[in-house]
Amino acid sequence: TREVQSCSFEYEGARVSLVDTPGFENAIRSDTENLREVASWTSVTYGEKRLLSGIIYLIYLHPITHSHMEGSALKNLRMF
């Protein structure tokens, strides 16, 4: 994903938006540039009264056998 993309739908009477964002640690752009892209998108949606109520950060859905996060995975979560 090179830019933030969203898809919205109704679920049990609630409006749900799924948002795909540029990933961290890619060869195309720096982590800082990707974070700025996400921050810009959230600023625009906030101005439209579309507020975040939760985040699922898919890179961190990892095997249950992993007891903790470390290295770049932990760095990225802290940065985000």
Protein backbone atom coordinates (compact mmCIF):
# COMPACT_ATOMS: atom_id res chain seq x y z
CA THR A 1 0.00 0.00 0.00
CA ARG A 2 1.48 3.34 -1.03
CA GLU A 3 -1.23 5.61 0.40
CA VAL A 4 -3.99 5.37 2.97
CA GLN A 5 -7.11 3.69 1.56
CA SER A 6 -10.39 3.11 3.35
CA CYS A 7 -13.55 1.09 2.79
CA SER A 8 -16.71 1.73 4.81
CA PHE A 9 -19.79 -0.41 5.41
CA GLU A 10 -22.72 -0.82 7.81
CA TYR A 11 -22.58 -3.59 10.42
CA GLU A 12 -25.37 -4.13 12.94
CA GLY A 13 -26.43 -0.50 12.64
CA ALA A 14 -22.93 0.90 13.03
CA ARG A 15 -20.73 2.47 10.36
CA VAL A 16 -17.41 0.61 10.13
CA SER A 17 -14.38 1.75 8.17
CA LEU A 18 -11.44 -0.49 7.43
CA VAL A 19 -8.27 1.42 6.64
CA ASP A 20 -5.22 0.09 4.85
CA THR A 21 -2.05 2.09 5.48
CA PRO A 22 1.48 2.02 4.08
CA GLY A 23 3.59 -0.48 5.98
CA PHE A 24 6.63 0.33 8.03
CA GLU A 25 10.10 -0.88 7.10
CA ASN A 26 9.56 -0.82 3.35
CA ALA A 27 12.04 0.13 0.65
CA ILE A 28 9.88 2.84 -0.94
CA ARG A 29 9.42 5.36 1.89
CA SER A 30 10.76 5.91 5.38
CA ASP A 31 8.80 5.04 8.52
CA THR A 32 8.49 8.78 9.23
CA GLU A 33 6.95 9.47 5.81
CA ASN A 34 4.48 6.62 6.29
CA LEU A 35 3.53 7.86 9.75
CA ARG A 36 2.99 11.37 8.33
CA GLU A 37 0.67 9.87 5.69
CA VAL A 38 -1.40 8.14 8.39
CA ALA A 39 -1.43 11.27 10.59
CA SER A 40 -2.59 13.40 7.65
CA TRP A 41 -5.42 10.97 6.87
CA THR A 42 -6.57 10.89 10.51
CA SER A 43 -6.53 14.71 10.64
CA VAL A 44 -8.76 14.93 7.58
CA THR A 45 -11.21 12.31 8.85
CA TYR A 46 -11.32 13.97 12.29
CA GLY A 47 -12.29 17.23 10.58
CA GLU A 48 -15.12 15.31 8.88
CA LYS A 49 -16.30 14.08 12.33
CA ARG A 50 -15.21 10.52 11.46
CA LEU A 51 -13.58 9.52 14.74
CA LEU A 52 -11.41 6.48 15.46
CA SER A 53 -12.74 4.09 18.05
CA GLY A 54 -10.20 1.30 17.63
CA ILE A 55 -7.11 0.16 15.77
CA ILE A 56 -6.16 -3.32 14.63
CA TYR A 57 -2.55 -3.30 13.61
CA LEU A 58 -2.26 -6.49 11.57
CA ILE A 59 1.49 -6.90 11.69
CA TYR A 60 1.09 -7.72 15.38
CA LEU A 61 -1.32 -10.60 14.89
CA HIS A 62 1.39 -13.19 15.27
CA PRO A 63 1.54 -16.83 16.38
CA ILE A 64 0.37 -17.59 19.90
CA THR A 65 3.67 -19.37 20.53
CA HIS A 66 5.49 -16.00 20.57
CA SER A 67 5.65 -14.94 24.21
CA HIS A 68 6.59 -11.29 23.57
CA MET A 69 7.48 -8.71 20.93
CA GLU A 70 10.97 -7.48 20.38
CA GLY A 71 13.19 -5.78 17.83
CA SER A 72 11.61 -3.95 14.92
CA ALA A 73 8.07 -5.15 15.73
CA LEU A 74 8.26 -3.50 19.16
CA LYS A 75 9.91 -0.36 17.73
CA ASN A 76 7.13 0.04 15.15
CA LEU A 77 4.36 -0.41 17.68
CA ARG A 78 5.91 2.20 19.97
CA MET A 79 6.33 4.63 17.06
CA PHE A 80 2.73 4.13 15.90
